[in-house]
Amino acid sequence: ALGSDAPVRMKVPSGYEAKVVYGGQGPPVLAVRIQDMFGATNTPTVARGRVEVLMHLLAPNMRPAAITQDLPHFWKEVYPMVRKQLRGRYPKHAWPEDPMTAKPGTGRRR
């Protein structure tokens, strides 16, 4: 039961299995590239859906570009500003206008 309630890794829309970090205080943390989460409409959860993970959405340089526990709100309200900043810095990466319907990416655009 512990493996299903508190998984060590969690599969994201791109197919990548990201490590879930559990700390003493606060929710578990899932650090994953923004492009790997394209297509996700809900925040991932643990504990049979009772606890939303704190998402560290990483830029292509693997540094946090945003931190959220509400992925739908992030896509609608915050992502347009993050997209504008990161698109200029990382033009070879995909930055769709509607990330909720975009196909998750695992690398750069060709």
N, C-alpha and C. Protein backbone atom coordinates (compact mmCIF):
# COMPACT_ATOMS: atom_id res chain seq x y z
N ALA A 1 0.82 -1.20 0.00
CA ALA A 1 0.00 0.00 0.00
C ALA A 1 0.86 1.26 0.00
N LEU A 2 2.01 1.19 0.65
CA LEU A 2 2.88 2.37 0.71
C LEU A 2 3.37 2.76 -0.68
N GLY A 3 3.66 1.77 -1.52
CA GLY A 3 4.12 2.06 -2.88
C GLY A 3 3.08 2.76 -3.73
N SER A 4 1.80 2.48 -3.50
CA SER A 4 0.76 3.14 -4.28
C SER A 4 0.34 4.47 -3.65
N ASP A 5 0.41 4.58 -2.34
CA ASP A 5 0.02 5.83 -1.67
C ASP A 5 1.13 6.87 -1.69
N ALA A 6 2.38 6.42 -1.65
CA ALA A 6 3.53 7.33 -1.64
C ALA A 6 4.58 6.82 -2.62
N PRO A 7 4.30 6.96 -3.93
CA PRO A 7 5.24 6.44 -4.93
C PRO A 7 6.58 7.18 -4.91
N VAL A 8 7.64 6.47 -5.22
CA VAL A 8 8.97 7.05 -5.29
C VAL A 8 9.13 7.81 -6.61
N ARG A 9 8.49 7.31 -7.66
CA ARG A 9 8.51 7.94 -8.99
C ARG A 9 7.10 8.07 -9.50
N MET A 10 6.90 9.09 -10.33
CA MET A 10 5.58 9.34 -10.89
C MET A 10 5.73 9.58 -12.39
N LYS A 11 4.92 8.91 -13.18
CA LYS A 11 4.96 9.07 -14.64
C LYS A 11 4.22 10.36 -15.00
N VAL A 12 4.86 11.18 -15.85
CA VAL A 12 4.27 12.44 -16.31
C VAL A 12 3.81 12.27 -17.76
N PRO A 13 3.06 13.22 -18.32
CA PRO A 13 2.49 13.05 -19.67
C PRO A 13 3.49 12.68 -20.77
N SER A 14 4.74 13.11 -20.65
CA SER A 14 5.72 12.78 -21.70
C SER A 14 6.18 11.34 -21.62
N GLY A 15 5.86 10.65 -20.54
CA GLY A 15 6.31 9.28 -20.35
C GLY A 15 7.49 9.18 -19.39
N TYR A 16 8.10 10.31 -19.09
CA TYR A 16 9.22 10.36 -18.17
C TYR A 16 8.74 10.04 -16.75
N GLU A 17 9.54 9.31 -16.00
CA GLU A 17 9.20 9.01 -14.61
C GLU A 17 10.04 9.89 -13.72
N ALA A 18 9.41 10.90 -13.12
CA ALA A 18 10.10 11.86 -12.27
C ALA A 18 10.09 11.40 -10.83
N LYS A 19 11.14 11.75 -10.11
CA LYS A 19 11.28 11.37 -8.71
C LYS A 19 10.39 12.27 -7.85
N VAL A 20 9.69 11.67 -6.91
CA VAL A 20 8.87 12.40 -5.95
C VAL A 20 9.68 12.50 -4.66
N VAL A 21 9.86 13.72 -4.15
CA VAL A 21 10.64 13.94 -2.94
C VAL A 21 9.69 14.26 -1.79
N TYR A 22 9.79 13.45 -0.76
CA TYR A 22 8.96 13.64 0.43
C TYR A 22 9.82 14.27 1.51
N GLY A 23 9.32 15.38 2.11
CA GLY A 23 10.03 16.03 3.19
C GLY A 23 9.25 15.92 4.47
N GLY A 24 9.83 16.41 5.52
CA GLY A 24 9.16 16.36 6.81
C GLY A 24 7.95 17.28 6.89
N GLN A 25 8.05 18.41 6.24
CA GLN A 25 6.95 19.38 6.27
C GLN A 25 6.53 19.72 4.85
N GLY A 26 5.27 19.98 4.69
CA GLY A 26 4.76 20.36 3.38
C GLY A 26 4.48 19.17 2.49
N PRO A 27 3.92 19.46 1.32
CA PRO A 27 3.55 18.39 0.39
C PRO A 27 4.78 17.80 -0.30
N PRO A 28 4.64 16.62 -0.89
CA PRO A 28 5.74 16.05 -1.68
C PRO A 28 6.02 16.92 -2.90
N VAL A 29 7.27 16.89 -3.35
CA VAL A 29 7.70 17.75 -4.46
C VAL A 29 8.01 16.89 -5.68
N LEU A 30 7.53 17.36 -6.84
CA LEU A 30 7.80 16.72 -8.12
C LEU A 30 8.46 17.77 -9.01
N ALA A 31 9.74 17.57 -9.31
CA ALA A 31 10.47 18.51 -10.17
C ALA A 31 10.54 17.91 -11.58
N VAL A 32 9.99 18.65 -12.56
CA VAL A 32 9.90 18.13 -13.93
C VAL A 32 9.94 19.30 -14.91
N ARG A 33 10.49 19.05 -16.11
CA ARG A 33 10.54 20.11 -17.13
C ARG A 33 9.13 20.51 -17.55
N ILE A 34 8.94 21.76 -17.83
CA ILE A 34 7.63 22.27 -18.25
C ILE A 34 7.13 21.48 -19.46
N GLN A 35 7.99 21.23 -20.44
CA GLN A 35 7.58 20.53 -21.66
C GLN A 35 7.06 19.12 -21.38
N ASP A 36 7.56 18.49 -20.32
CA ASP A 36 7.10 17.15 -19.97
C ASP A 36 5.67 17.15 -19.43
N MET A 37 5.18 18.30 -19.01
CA MET A 37 3.84 18.40 -18.43
C MET A 37 2.79 18.91 -19.42
N PHE A 38 3.20 19.26 -20.64
CA PHE A 38 2.22 19.70 -21.64
C PHE A 38 1.16 18.61 -21.79
N GLY A 39 -0.07 19.01 -21.86
CA GLY A 39 -1.18 18.07 -21.99
C GLY A 39 -1.81 17.70 -20.66
N ALA A 40 -1.14 18.00 -19.56
CA ALA A 40 -1.70 17.69 -18.24
C ALA A 40 -2.74 18.74 -17.87
N THR A 41 -3.90 18.29 -17.46
CA THR A 41 -4.97 19.22 -17.09
C THR A 41 -5.19 19.29 -15.59
N ASN A 42 -4.60 18.37 -14.85
CA ASN A 42 -4.74 18.35 -13.39
C ASN A 42 -3.39 18.22 -12.72
N THR A 43 -3.31 18.71 -11.50
CA THR A 43 -2.10 18.56 -10.71
C THR A 43 -1.97 17.11 -10.26
N PRO A 44 -0.80 16.50 -10.41
CA PRO A 44 -0.62 15.13 -9.94
C PRO A 44 -0.85 15.02 -8.43
N THR A 45 -1.29 13.85 -8.01
CA THR A 45 -1.58 13.63 -6.60
C THR A 45 -0.95 12.33 -6.10
N VAL A 46 -0.85 12.24 -4.79
CA VAL A 46 -0.43 11.02 -4.11
C VAL A 46 -1.47 10.72 -3.04
N ALA A 47 -1.27 9.67 -2.29
CA ALA A 47 -2.18 9.29 -1.20
C ALA A 47 -3.60 9.08 -1.72
N ARG A 48 -3.68 8.31 -2.81
CA ARG A 48 -4.98 7.99 -3.43
C ARG A 48 -5.78 9.23 -3.81
N GLY A 49 -5.07 10.25 -4.29
CA GLY A 49 -5.72 11.46 -4.77
C GLY A 49 -6.01 12.50 -3.71
N ARG A 50 -5.58 12.28 -2.48
CA ARG A 50 -5.89 13.21 -1.40
C ARG A 50 -4.89 14.35 -1.28
N VAL A 51 -3.65 14.17 -1.76
CA VAL A 51 -2.61 15.19 -1.59
C VAL A 51 -2.05 15.57 -2.95
N GLU A 52 -2.17 16.85 -3.30
CA GLU A 52 -1.57 17.35 -4.55
C GLU A 52 -0.09 17.60 -4.31
N VAL A 53 0.73 17.21 -5.28
CA VAL A 53 2.16 17.44 -5.15
C VAL A 53 2.49 18.89 -5.46
N LEU A 54 3.58 19.37 -4.91
CA LEU A 54 4.08 20.71 -5.22
C LEU A 54 4.98 20.56 -6.42
N MET A 55 4.60 21.18 -7.52
CA MET A 55 5.33 21.01 -8.77
C MET A 55 6.38 22.10 -8.93
N HIS A 56 7.61 21.66 -9.16
CA HIS A 56 8.68 22.57 -9.55
C HIS A 56 8.82 22.39 -11.06
N LEU A 57 8.28 23.34 -11.81
CA LEU A 57 8.32 23.27 -13.27
C LEU A 57 9.63 23.87 -13.74
N LEU A 58 10.44 23.05 -14.38
CA LEU A 58 11.80 23.42 -14.72
C LEU A 58 11.93 23.96 -16.14
N ALA A 59 12.80 24.96 -16.28
CA ALA A 59 13.17 25.49 -17.59
C ALA A 59 14.13 24.49 -18.24
N PRO A 60 14.47 24.67 -19.50
CA PRO A 60 15.41 23.75 -20.15
C PRO A 60 16.77 23.64 -19.46
N ASN A 61 17.17 24.64 -18.67
CA ASN A 61 18.43 24.57 -17.94
C ASN A 61 18.29 23.81 -16.63
N MET A 62 17.11 23.20 -16.41
CA MET A 62 16.78 22.38 -15.25
C MET A 62 16.72 23.18 -13.94
N ARG A 63 16.46 24.47 -14.05
CA ARG A 63 16.23 25.32 -12.88
C ARG A 63 14.74 25.64 -12.82
N PRO A 64 14.19 25.77 -11.60
CA PRO A 64 12.75 26.05 -11.50
C PRO A 64 12.36 27.37 -12.17
N ALA A 65 11.41 27.29 -13.09
CA ALA A 65 10.85 28.48 -13.74
C ALA A 65 9.58 28.90 -13.00
N ALA A 66 8.93 27.93 -12.36
CA ALA A 66 7.70 28.21 -11.61
C ALA A 66 7.48 27.08 -10.61
N ILE A 67 6.80 27.43 -9.53
CA ILE A 67 6.43 26.45 -8.51
C ILE A 67 4.93 26.59 -8.29
N THR A 68 4.20 25.47 -8.37
CA THR A 68 2.75 25.54 -8.24
C THR A 68 2.20 24.25 -7.65
N GLN A 69 1.05 24.39 -7.03
CA GLN A 69 0.29 23.23 -6.57
C GLN A 69 -1.07 23.22 -7.25
N ASP A 70 -1.23 24.14 -8.22
CA ASP A 70 -2.48 24.26 -8.97
C ASP A 70 -2.13 24.38 -10.45
N LEU A 71 -1.95 23.25 -11.11
CA LEU A 71 -1.51 23.24 -12.51
C LEU A 71 -2.48 23.91 -13.46
N PRO A 72 -3.81 23.69 -13.36
CA PRO A 72 -4.72 24.39 -14.27
C PRO A 72 -4.61 25.92 -14.16
N HIS A 73 -4.49 26.43 -12.95
CA HIS A 73 -4.33 27.87 -12.76
C HIS A 73 -3.01 28.35 -13.36
N PHE A 74 -1.95 27.56 -13.16
CA PHE A 74 -0.66 27.92 -13.73
C PHE A 74 -0.75 28.03 -15.24
N TRP A 75 -1.35 27.04 -15.91
CA TRP A 75 -1.45 27.07 -17.37
C TRP A 75 -2.21 28.31 -17.85
N LYS A 76 -3.29 28.66 -17.17
CA LYS A 76 -4.14 29.77 -17.62
C LYS A 76 -3.59 31.14 -17.26
N GLU A 77 -3.05 31.30 -16.06
CA GLU A 77 -2.69 32.64 -15.58
C GLU A 77 -1.19 32.94 -15.58
N VAL A 78 -0.35 31.99 -15.27
CA VAL A 78 1.08 32.25 -15.09
C VAL A 78 1.90 31.84 -16.32
N TYR A 79 1.54 30.74 -16.95
CA TYR A 79 2.30 30.23 -18.09
C TYR A 79 2.52 31.27 -19.20
N PRO A 80 1.53 32.10 -19.56
CA PRO A 80 1.80 33.08 -20.63
C PRO A 80 3.01 33.98 -20.33
N MET A 81 3.19 34.38 -19.07
CA MET A 81 4.34 35.22 -18.71
C MET A 81 5.63 34.39 -18.73
N VAL A 82 5.57 33.17 -18.20
CA VAL A 82 6.74 32.29 -18.19
C VAL A 82 7.13 31.96 -19.62
N ARG A 83 6.13 31.67 -20.46
CA ARG A 83 6.37 31.36 -21.87
C ARG A 83 7.09 32.50 -22.57
N LYS A 84 6.64 33.72 -22.31
CA LYS A 84 7.24 34.89 -22.94
C LYS A 84 8.72 35.02 -22.57
N GLN A 85 9.03 34.81 -21.30
CA GLN A 85 10.43 34.91 -20.84
C GLN A 85 11.29 33.78 -21.41
N LEU A 86 10.80 32.56 -21.29
CA LEU A 86 11.61 31.41 -21.68
C LEU A 86 11.70 31.22 -23.19
N ARG A 87 10.69 31.64 -23.92
CA ARG A 87 10.71 31.51 -25.38
C ARG A 87 11.85 32.32 -25.98
N GLY A 88 12.11 33.50 -25.41
CA GLY A 88 13.22 34.32 -25.89
C GLY A 88 14.57 33.73 -25.52
N ARG A 89 14.64 33.12 -24.35
CA ARG A 89 15.89 32.55 -23.87
C ARG A 89 16.18 31.18 -24.49
N TYR A 90 15.12 30.41 -24.76
CA TYR A 90 15.27 29.06 -25.31
C TYR A 90 14.39 28.90 -26.55
N PRO A 91 14.76 29.54 -27.66
CA PRO A 91 13.91 29.53 -28.85
C PRO A 91 13.80 28.18 -29.55
N LYS A 92 14.71 27.27 -29.31
CA LYS A 92 14.66 25.97 -29.97
C LYS A 92 13.71 25.00 -29.28
N HIS A 93 13.19 25.37 -28.13
CA HIS A 93 12.26 24.51 -27.39
C HIS A 93 10.82 24.89 -27.70
N ALA A 94 9.93 23.94 -27.55
CA ALA A 94 8.51 24.18 -27.83
C ALA A 94 7.88 25.00 -26.71
N TRP A 95 7.13 26.03 -27.09
CA TRP A 95 6.40 26.88 -26.15
C TRP A 95 5.01 27.15 -26.71
N PRO A 96 4.12 26.15 -26.71
CA PRO A 96 2.80 26.32 -27.32
C PRO A 96 1.94 27.34 -26.56
N GLU A 97 1.02 27.95 -27.28
CA GLU A 97 0.12 28.91 -26.63
C GLU A 97 -0.87 28.21 -25.71
N ASP A 98 -1.30 27.00 -26.06
CA ASP A 98 -2.23 26.25 -25.22
C ASP A 98 -1.56 24.97 -24.74
N PRO A 99 -0.85 25.01 -23.60
CA PRO A 99 -0.13 23.83 -23.13
C PRO A 99 -1.02 22.71 -22.63
N MET A 100 -2.29 23.01 -22.34
CA MET A 100 -3.19 21.96 -21.85
C MET A 100 -3.59 20.98 -22.94
N THR A 101 -3.50 21.41 -24.19
CA THR A 101 -3.85 20.52 -25.31
C THR A 101 -2.63 20.13 -26.14
N ALA A 102 -1.46 20.70 -25.80
CA ALA A 102 -0.24 20.42 -26.56
C ALA A 102 0.30 19.03 -26.24
N LYS A 103 1.00 18.48 -27.19
CA LYS A 103 1.64 17.18 -27.00
C LYS A 103 2.89 17.39 -26.15
N PRO A 104 3.08 16.57 -25.10
CA PRO A 104 4.27 16.73 -24.26
C PRO A 104 5.52 16.44 -25.06
N GLY A 105 6.57 17.18 -24.78
CA GLY A 105 7.82 17.02 -25.50
C GLY A 105 8.91 16.49 -24.61
N THR A 106 9.86 15.83 -25.22
CA THR A 106 10.98 15.30 -24.46
C THR A 106 12.30 15.96 -24.88
N GLY A 107 12.25 16.90 -25.78
CA GLY A 107 13.48 17.53 -26.22
C GLY A 107 13.19 18.78 -27.02
N ARG A 108 14.19 19.18 -27.77
CA ARG A 108 14.07 20.39 -28.57
C ARG A 108 13.30 20.15 -29.84
N ARG A 109 12.78 21.26 -30.40
CA ARG A 109 12.17 21.18 -31.73
C ARG A 109 13.28 20.97 -32.73
N ARG A 110 12.98 20.31 -33.79
CA ARG A 110 13.99 20.07 -34.84
C ARG A 110 13.89 21.13 -35.90
